[in-house]
């Protein structure tokens, strides 16, 4: 897991696993946003599996997929909602962290 801090409230990572959720919690993250559509890769764990364990650990989590269409208006709204509703620090993840960075930059600009 390669976590890169964007600012005090938000960091990004590539794909996470269920086993890494305990470490994510121990690092102090309060919430997670998945920006990767389910089924993008055969080795990718389904969001529901990550979500179940995250909730068991008391982490807030939501799915705001950013697919081939890029960062859509709907995705931006989903991210705005997550930022408005969830505690931070927040971890966003996708395949490499690039989409999680891009959507945060777009959303952060709107909210600023």
Foldseek 3Di string as FASTA:
>chain_A
DDWADPDQQEIEFEADDLVCLVVVVVVPFQEEEEAADPPPDPVHDGPVSNVVSNVVVNHHYDYLYADPVGCDPSSLVVVLVCVVPTDGSYYYYYHGRVSVVVSCVVNVVVVD
